[in-house]
């Protein structure tokens, strides 16, 4: 299945070469989970981000057991801190 992935802010640095400004399409197995998709991007564990699949936020504890199954878009947004 093909999934469009959008990375925002500093997370764009982890897009594969030849990607667009902030997005790419990945070809994944039909049984792929969110954890599989994230592994393709090689984002370090030190990065904090929020994952949205088709307008639904996914908790980090559920990445490994969240199937993508037909999801067309996944967005990763950096956590913004301020005061």
PDB file of N, CA and C in Angstrom:
ATOM      1  N   UNK A   1       0.840  -1.172   0.000  1.00  0.00           N
ATOM      2  CA  UNK A   1       0.000   0.000   0.000  1.00  0.00           C
ATOM      3  C   UNK A   1       0.885   1.236   0.000  1.00  0.00           C
ATOM      4  N   UNK A   2       0.391   2.305  -0.571  1.00  0.00           N
ATOM      5  CA  UNK A   2       1.126   3.572  -0.601  1.00  0.00           C
ATOM      6  C   UNK A   2       0.536   4.504   0.444  1.00  0.00           C
ATOM      7  N   UNK A   3       1.430   5.098   1.237  1.00  0.00           N
ATOM      8  CA  UNK A   3       1.012   6.023   2.282  1.00  0.00           C
ATOM      9  C   UNK A   3       1.781   7.326   2.104  1.00  0.00           C
ATOM     10  N   UNK A   4       1.067   8.431   2.075  1.00  0.00           N
ATOM     11  CA  UNK A   4       1.711   9.749   2.019  1.00  0.00           C
ATOM     12  C   UNK A   4       2.027  10.165   3.446  1.00  0.00           C
ATOM     13  N   UNK A   5       3.282  10.581   3.652  1.00  0.00           N
ATOM     14  CA  UNK A   5       3.757  10.975   4.972  1.00  0.00           C
ATOM     15  C   UNK A   5       4.172  12.439   4.917  1.00  0.00           C
ATOM     16  N   UNK A   6       3.657  13.231   5.868  1.00  0.00           N
ATOM     17  CA  UNK A   6       4.005  14.648   5.979  1.00  0.00           C
ATOM     18  C   UNK A   6       4.808  14.843   7.258  1.00  0.00           C
ATOM     19  N   UNK A   7       5.969  15.469   7.146  1.00  0.00           N
ATOM     20  CA  UNK A   7       6.793  15.787   8.302  1.00  0.00           C
ATOM     21  C   UNK A   7       6.932  17.300   8.385  1.00  0.00           C
ATOM     22  N   UNK A   8       6.725  17.838   9.560  1.00  0.00           N
ATOM     23  CA  UNK A   8       6.747  19.285   9.743  1.00  0.00           C
ATOM     24  C   UNK A   8       7.914  19.707  10.620  1.00  0.00           C
ATOM     25  N   UNK A   9       8.275  20.969  10.512  1.00  0.00           N
ATOM     26  CA  UNK A   9       9.358  21.533  11.316  1.00  0.00           C
ATOM     27  C   UNK A   9      10.663  20.807  11.062  1.00  0.00           C
ATOM     28  N   UNK A  10      11.436  20.630  12.115  1.00  0.00           N
ATOM     29  CA  UNK A  10      12.737  19.974  12.017  1.00  0.00           C
ATOM     30  C   UNK A  10      12.656  18.510  11.639  1.00  0.00           C
ATOM     31  N   UNK A  11      11.479  17.915  11.734  1.00  0.00           N
ATOM     32  CA  UNK A  11      11.329  16.508  11.348  1.00  0.00           C
ATOM     33  C   UNK A  11      11.526  16.307   9.854  1.00  0.00           C
ATOM     34  N   UNK A  12      11.401  17.388   9.077  1.00  0.00           N
ATOM     35  CA  UNK A  12      11.617  17.275   7.625  1.00  0.00           C
ATOM     36  C   UNK A  12      13.006  16.754   7.297  1.00  0.00           C
ATOM     37  N   UNK A  13      13.946  16.937   8.215  1.00  0.00           N
ATOM     38  CA  UNK A  13      15.316  16.461   7.991  1.00  0.00           C
ATOM     39  C   UNK A  13      15.376  14.940   7.817  1.00  0.00           C
ATOM     40  N   UNK A  14      14.339  14.232   8.246  1.00  0.00           N
ATOM     41  CA  UNK A  14      14.345  12.771   8.180  1.00  0.00           C
ATOM     42  C   UNK A  14      13.603  12.215   6.966  1.00  0.00           C
ATOM     43  N   UNK A  15      13.170  13.089   6.085  1.00  0.00           N
ATOM     44  CA  UNK A  15      12.547  12.623   4.847  1.00  0.00           C
ATOM     45  C   UNK A  15      13.600  11.964   3.959  1.00  0.00           C
ATOM     46  N   UNK A  16      13.219  10.938   3.231  1.00  0.00           N
ATOM     47  CA  UNK A  16      14.161  10.320   2.287  1.00  0.00           C
ATOM     48  C   UNK A  16      14.605  11.325   1.222  1.00  0.00           C
ATOM     49  N   UNK A  17      15.769  11.086   0.648  1.00  0.00           N
ATOM     50  CA  UNK A  17      16.267  11.942  -0.437  1.00  0.00           C
ATOM     51  C   UNK A  17      15.236  11.962  -1.565  1.00  0.00           C
ATOM     52  N   UNK A  18      15.172  13.051  -2.271  1.00  0.00           N
ATOM     53  CA  UNK A  18      14.270  13.250  -3.412  1.00  0.00           C
ATOM     54  C   UNK A  18      12.801  13.368  -2.996  1.00  0.00           C
ATOM     55  N   UNK A  19      12.558  13.656  -1.711  1.00  0.00           N
ATOM     56  CA  UNK A  19      11.188  13.894  -1.255  1.00  0.00           C
ATOM     57  C   UNK A  19      10.793  15.315  -1.574  1.00  0.00           C
ATOM     58  N   UNK A  20       9.513  15.601  -1.469  1.00  0.00           N
ATOM     59  CA  UNK A  20       9.038  16.968  -1.622  1.00  0.00           C
ATOM     60  C   UNK A  20       9.453  17.805  -0.428  1.00  0.00           C
ATOM     61  N   UNK A  21       8.952  19.040  -0.374  1.00  0.00           N
ATOM     62  CA  UNK A  21       9.320  19.976   0.696  1.00  0.00           C
ATOM     63  C   UNK A  21       9.095  19.374   2.077  1.00  0.00           C
ATOM     64  N   UNK A  22       7.922  18.809   2.322  1.00  0.00           N
ATOM     65  CA  UNK A  22       7.668  18.231   3.640  1.00  0.00           C
ATOM     66  C   UNK A  22       6.918  16.896   3.565  1.00  0.00           C
ATOM     67  N   UNK A  23       6.946  16.241   2.410  1.00  0.00           N
ATOM     68  CA  UNK A  23       6.212  14.980   2.323  1.00  0.00           C
ATOM     69  C   UNK A  23       6.875  14.005   1.363  1.00  0.00           C
ATOM     70  N   UNK A  24       6.473  12.751   1.516  1.00  0.00           N
ATOM     71  CA  UNK A  24       6.937  11.685   0.646  1.00  0.00           C
ATOM     72  C   UNK A  24       5.864  10.603   0.614  1.00  0.00           C
ATOM     73  N   UNK A  25       5.955   9.701  -0.319  1.00  0.00           N
ATOM     74  CA  UNK A  25       5.087   8.531  -0.351  1.00  0.00           C
ATOM     75  C   UNK A  25       5.945   7.307  -0.103  1.00  0.00           C
ATOM     76  N   UNK A  26       5.457   6.438   0.774  1.00  0.00           N
ATOM     77  CA  UNK A  26       6.163   5.202   1.081  1.00  0.00           C
ATOM     78  C   UNK A  26       5.315   4.025   0.638  1.00  0.00           C
ATOM     79  N   UNK A  27       5.969   3.019   0.108  1.00  0.00           N
ATOM     80  CA  UNK A  27       5.306   1.763  -0.267  1.00  0.00           C
ATOM     81  C   UNK A  27       5.534   0.794   0.884  1.00  0.00           C
ATOM     82  N   UNK A  28       4.446   0.351   1.505  1.00  0.00           N
ATOM     83  CA  UNK A  28       4.530  -0.533   2.662  1.00  0.00           C
ATOM     84  C   UNK A  28       3.667  -1.763   2.437  1.00  0.00           C
ATOM     85  N   UNK A  29       3.973  -2.822   3.170  1.00  0.00           N
ATOM     86  CA  UNK A  29       3.163  -4.039   3.109  1.00  0.00           C
ATOM     87  C   UNK A  29       1.756  -3.744   3.616  1.00  0.00           C
ATOM     88  N   UNK A  30       0.785  -4.483   3.120  1.00  0.00           N
ATOM     89  CA  UNK A  30      -0.607  -4.288   3.551  1.00  0.00           C
ATOM     90  C   UNK A  30      -0.769  -4.486   5.055  1.00  0.00           C
ATOM     91  N   UNK A  31       0.101  -5.279   5.663  1.00  0.00           N
ATOM     92  CA  UNK A  31       0.018  -5.560   7.098  1.00  0.00           C
ATOM     93  C   UNK A  31       0.837  -4.581   7.944  1.00  0.00           C
ATOM     94  N   UNK A  32       1.380  -3.550   7.335  1.00  0.00           N
ATOM     95  CA  UNK A  32       2.275  -2.626   8.041  1.00  0.00           C
ATOM     96  C   UNK A  32       1.550  -1.881   9.166  1.00  0.00           C
ATOM     97  N   UNK A  33       2.317  -1.638  10.224  1.00  0.00           N
ATOM     98  CA  UNK A  33       1.822  -0.848  11.345  1.00  0.00           C
ATOM     99  C   UNK A  33       2.506   0.520  11.319  1.00  0.00           C
ATOM    100  N   UNK A  34       2.055   1.381  12.191  1.00  0.00           N
ATOM    101  CA  UNK A  34       2.683   2.694  12.311  1.00  0.00           C
ATOM    102  C   UNK A  34       4.157   2.551  12.669  1.00  0.00           C
ATOM    103  N   UNK A  35       4.502   1.588  13.498  1.00  0.00           N
ATOM    104  CA  UNK A  35       5.905   1.362  13.861  1.00  0.00           C
ATOM    105  C   UNK A  35       6.749   1.042  12.631  1.00  0.00           C
ATOM    106  N   UNK A  36       6.211   0.272  11.680  1.00  0.00           N
ATOM    107  CA  UNK A  36       6.939  -0.032  10.440  1.00  0.00           C
ATOM    108  C   UNK A  36       7.213   1.248   9.648  1.00  0.00           C
ATOM    109  N   UNK A  37       6.206   2.084   9.534  1.00  0.00           N
ATOM    110  CA  UNK A  37       6.371   3.342   8.803  1.00  0.00           C
ATOM    111  C   UNK A  37       7.441   4.205   9.455  1.00  0.00           C
ATOM    112  N   UNK A  38       7.387   4.334  10.770  1.00  0.00           N
ATOM    113  CA  UNK A  38       8.356   5.165  11.481  1.00  0.00           C
ATOM    114  C   UNK A  38       9.777   4.621  11.330  1.00  0.00           C
ATOM    115  N   UNK A  39       9.923   3.313  11.291  1.00  0.00           N
ATOM    116  CA  UNK A  39      11.248   2.702  11.098  1.00  0.00           C
ATOM    117  C   UNK A  39      11.825   3.081   9.739  1.00  0.00           C
ATOM    118  N   UNK A  40      10.969   3.229   8.732  1.00  0.00           N
ATOM    119  CA  UNK A  40      11.431   3.627   7.397  1.00  0.00           C
ATOM    120  C   UNK A  40      12.004   5.043   7.399  1.00  0.00           C
ATOM    121  N   UNK A  41      11.566   5.866   8.329  1.00  0.00           N
ATOM    122  CA  UNK A  41      12.019   7.256   8.372  1.00  0.00           C
ATOM    123  C   UNK A  41      13.275   7.458   9.200  1.00  0.00           C
ATOM    124  N   UNK A  42      13.644   6.488  10.003  1.00  0.00           N
ATOM    125  CA  UNK A  42      14.864   6.548  10.824  1.00  0.00           C
ATOM    126  C   UNK A  42      14.931   7.787  11.708  1.00  0.00           C
ATOM    127  N   UNK A  43      13.826   8.122  12.325  1.00  0.00           N
ATOM    128  CA  UNK A  43      13.805   9.257  13.251  1.00  0.00           C
ATOM    129  C   UNK A  43      14.374   8.788  14.592  1.00  0.00           C
ATOM    130  N   UNK A  44      15.368   9.488  15.143  1.00  0.00           N
ATOM    131  CA  UNK A  44      15.969   9.057  16.412  1.00  0.00           C
ATOM    132  C   UNK A  44      14.958   9.077  17.563  1.00  0.00           C
ATOM    133  N   UNK A  45      15.191   8.216  18.535  1.00  0.00           N
ATOM    134  CA  UNK A  45      14.321   8.150  19.709  1.00  0.00           C
ATOM    135  C   UNK A  45      14.332   9.441  20.517  1.00  0.00           C
ATOM    136  N   UNK A  46      15.332  10.271  20.302  1.00  0.00           N
ATOM    137  CA  UNK A  46      15.435  11.523  21.055  1.00  0.00           C
ATOM    138  C   UNK A  46      14.468  12.595  20.549  1.00  0.00           C
ATOM    139  N   UNK A  47      13.909  12.395  19.368  1.00  0.00           N
ATOM    140  CA  UNK A  47      12.948  13.358  18.807  1.00  0.00           C
ATOM    141  C   UNK A  47      11.571  13.137  19.425  1.00  0.00           C
ATOM    142  N   UNK A  48      10.917  14.222  19.783  1.00  0.00           N
ATOM    143  CA  UNK A  48       9.547  14.156  20.296  1.00  0.00           C
ATOM    144  C   UNK A  48       8.604  14.668  19.216  1.00  0.00           C
ATOM    145  N   UNK A  49       7.554  13.907  18.943  1.00  0.00           N
ATOM    146  CA  UNK A  49       6.613  14.312  17.911  1.00  0.00           C
ATOM    147  C   UNK A  49       5.241  13.689  18.178  1.00  0.00           C
ATOM    148  N   UNK A  50       4.263  14.251  17.515  1.00  0.00           N
ATOM    149  CA  UNK A  50       2.889  13.765  17.585  1.00  0.00           C
ATOM    150  C   UNK A  50       2.561  13.152  16.231  1.00  0.00           C
ATOM    151  N   UNK A  51       1.870  12.016  16.239  1.00  0.00           N
ATOM    152  CA  UNK A  51       1.493  11.350  14.988  1.00  0.00           C
ATOM    153  C   UNK A  51      -0.020  11.455  14.797  1.00  0.00           C
ATOM    154  N   UNK A  52      -0.391  11.892  13.598  1.00  0.00           N
ATOM    155  CA  UNK A  52      -1.803  11.990  13.219  1.00  0.00           C
ATOM    156  C   UNK A  52      -2.016  11.070  12.007  1.00  0.00           C
ATOM    157  N   UNK A  53      -2.978  10.157  12.117  1.00  0.00           N
ATOM    158  CA  UNK A  53      -3.352   9.310  10.989  1.00  0.00           C
ATOM    159  C   UNK A  53      -4.779   9.680  10.617  1.00  0.00           C
ATOM    160  N   UNK A  54      -4.929  10.204   9.410  1.00  0.00           N
ATOM    161  CA  UNK A  54      -6.266  10.558   8.922  1.00  0.00           C
ATOM    162  C   UNK A  54      -7.056  11.350   9.970  1.00  0.00           C
ATOM    163  N   UNK A  55      -6.466  12.413  10.508  1.00  0.00           N
ATOM    164  CA  UNK A  55      -7.121  13.300  11.480  1.00  0.00           C
ATOM    165  C   UNK A  55      -7.330  12.689  12.865  1.00  0.00           C
ATOM    166  N   UNK A  56      -6.613  11.615  13.185  1.00  0.00           N
ATOM    167  CA  UNK A  56      -6.732  10.968  14.492  1.00  0.00           C
ATOM    168  C   UNK A  56      -5.351  10.863  15.126  1.00  0.00           C
ATOM    169  N   UNK A  57      -5.199  11.434  16.340  1.00  0.00           N
ATOM    170  CA  UNK A  57      -3.919  11.379  17.054  1.00  0.00           C
ATOM    171  C   UNK A  57      -3.709   9.960  17.579  1.00  0.00           C
ATOM    172  N   UNK A  58      -2.453   9.494  17.479  1.00  0.00           N
ATOM    173  CA  UNK A  58      -2.101   8.162  17.959  1.00  0.00           C
ATOM    174  C   UNK A  58      -1.105   8.312  19.101  1.00  0.00           C
ATOM    175  N   UNK A  59      -1.391   7.666  20.239  1.00  0.00           N
ATOM    176  CA  UNK A  59      -0.477   7.704  21.381  1.00  0.00           C
ATOM    177  C   UNK A  59       0.757   6.858  21.083  1.00  0.00           C
ATOM    178  N   UNK A  60       1.914   7.320  21.562  1.00  0.00           N
ATOM    179  CA  UNK A  60       3.179   6.633  21.306  1.00  0.00           C
ATOM    180  C   UNK A  60       3.152   5.183  21.784  1.00  0.00           C
ATOM    181  N   UNK A  61       2.431   4.899  22.843  1.00  0.00           N
ATOM    182  CA  UNK A  61       2.366   3.534  23.365  1.00  0.00           C
ATOM    183  C   UNK A  61       1.682   2.579  22.388  1.00  0.00           C
ATOM    184  N   UNK A  62       0.961   3.124  21.412  1.00  0.00           N
ATOM    185  CA  UNK A  62       0.206   2.287  20.468  1.00  0.00           C
ATOM    186  C   UNK A  62       0.823   2.183  19.078  1.00  0.00           C
ATOM    187  N   UNK A  63       2.012   2.746  18.862  1.00  0.00           N
ATOM    188  CA  UNK A  63       2.609   2.725  17.524  1.00  0.00           C
ATOM    189  C   UNK A  63       2.752   1.309  16.976  1.00  0.00           C
ATOM    190  N   UNK A  64       3.218   0.378  17.798  1.00  0.00           N
ATOM    191  CA  UNK A  64       3.500  -0.975  17.321  1.00  0.00           C
ATOM    192  C   UNK A  64       2.241  -1.739  16.948  1.00  0.00           C
ATOM    193  N   UNK A  65       1.107  -1.413  17.574  1.00  0.00           N
ATOM    194  CA  UNK A  65      -0.107  -2.171  17.276  1.00  0.00           C
ATOM    195  C   UNK A  65      -1.176  -1.322  16.591  1.00  0.00           C
ATOM    196  N   UNK A  66      -0.748  -0.257  15.909  1.00  0.00           N
ATOM    197  CA  UNK A  66      -1.678   0.555  15.127  1.00  0.00           C
ATOM    198  C   UNK A  66      -1.501   0.220  13.655  1.00  0.00           C
ATOM    199  N   UNK A  67      -2.434  -0.549  13.084  1.00  0.00           N
ATOM    200  CA  UNK A  67      -2.321  -0.889  11.669  1.00  0.00           C
ATOM    201  C   UNK A  67      -2.590   0.335  10.802  1.00  0.00           C
ATOM    202  N   UNK A  68      -1.918   0.405   9.681  1.00  0.00           N
ATOM    203  CA  UNK A  68      -2.154   1.506   8.755  1.00  0.00           C
ATOM    204  C   UNK A  68      -3.338   1.181   7.851  1.00  0.00           C
ATOM    205  N   UNK A  69      -3.507  -0.078   7.510  1.00  0.00           N
ATOM    206  CA  UNK A  69      -4.610  -0.598   6.737  1.00  0.00           C
ATOM    207  C   UNK A  69      -5.443   0.388   5.947  1.00  0.00           C
ATOM    208  N   UNK A  70      -4.937   0.898   4.883  1.00  0.00           N
ATOM    209  CA  UNK A  70      -5.709   1.773   4.023  1.00  0.00           C
ATOM    210  C   UNK A  70      -5.592   3.245   4.354  1.00  0.00           C
ATOM    211  N   UNK A  71      -4.820   3.586   5.376  1.00  0.00           N
ATOM    212  CA  UNK A  71      -4.615   5.005   5.679  1.00  0.00           C
ATOM    213  C   UNK A  71      -3.921   5.652   4.490  1.00  0.00           C
ATOM    214  N   UNK A  72      -4.364   6.814   4.128  1.00  0.00           N
ATOM    215  CA  UNK A  72      -3.767   7.496   2.989  1.00  0.00           C
ATOM    216  C   UNK A  72      -2.775   8.554   3.408  1.00  0.00           C
ATOM    217  N   UNK A  73      -2.928   9.107   4.606  1.00  0.00           N
ATOM    218  CA  UNK A  73      -2.013  10.160   5.054  1.00  0.00           C
ATOM    219  C   UNK A  73      -1.660   9.996   6.527  1.00  0.00           C
ATOM    220  N   UNK A  74      -0.372  10.182   6.787  1.00  0.00           N
ATOM    221  CA  UNK A  74       0.153  10.183   8.149  1.00  0.00           C
ATOM    222  C   UNK A  74       0.971  11.462   8.282  1.00  0.00           C
ATOM    223  N   UNK A  75       0.727  12.202   9.361  1.00  0.00           N
ATOM    224  CA  UNK A  75       1.459  13.451   9.608  1.00  0.00           C
ATOM    225  C   UNK A  75       2.204  13.352  10.932  1.00  0.00           C
ATOM    226  N   UNK A  76       3.455  13.844  10.926  1.00  0.00           N
ATOM    227  CA  UNK A  76       4.262  13.901  12.132  1.00  0.00           C
ATOM    228  C   UNK A  76       4.550  15.365  12.425  1.00  0.00           C
ATOM    229  N   UNK A  77       4.178  15.799  13.619  1.00  0.00           N
ATOM    230  CA  UNK A  77       4.368  17.190  14.018  1.00  0.00           C
ATOM    231  C   UNK A  77       5.281  17.241  15.226  1.00  0.00           C
ATOM    232  N   UNK A  78       6.266  18.135  15.217  1.00  0.00           N
ATOM    233  CA  UNK A  78       7.145  18.246  16.362  1.00  0.00           C
ATOM    234  C   UNK A  78       6.375  18.823  17.560  1.00  0.00           C
ATOM    235  N   UNK A  79       6.793  18.419  18.744  1.00  0.00           N
ATOM    236  CA  UNK A  79       6.215  18.971  19.969  1.00  0.00           C
ATOM    237  C   UNK A  79       6.779  20.379  20.133  1.00  0.00           C
ATOM    238  N   UNK A  80       5.900  21.324  20.377  1.00  0.00           N
ATOM    239  CA  UNK A  80       6.324  22.716  20.526  1.00  0.00           C
ATOM    240  C   UNK A  80       6.293  23.059  22.007  1.00  0.00           C
ATOM    241  N   UNK A  81       7.403  23.602  22.480  1.00  0.00           N
ATOM    242  CA  UNK A  81       7.513  23.980  23.892  1.00  0.00           C
ATOM    243  C   UNK A  81       7.643  25.493  23.984  1.00  0.00           C
ATOM    244  N   UNK A  82       7.147  26.024  25.013  1.00  0.00           N
ATOM    245  CA  UNK A  82       7.260  27.467  25.187  1.00  0.00           C
ATOM    246  C   UNK A  82       6.769  27.853  26.574  1.00  0.00           C
ATOM    247  N   UNK A  83       6.812  29.112  26.788  1.00  0.00           N
ATOM    248  CA  UNK A  83       6.394  29.539  28.122  1.00  0.00           C
ATOM    249  C   UNK A  83       5.843  30.905  28.142  1.00  0.00           C
TER     250      UNK A  83
END
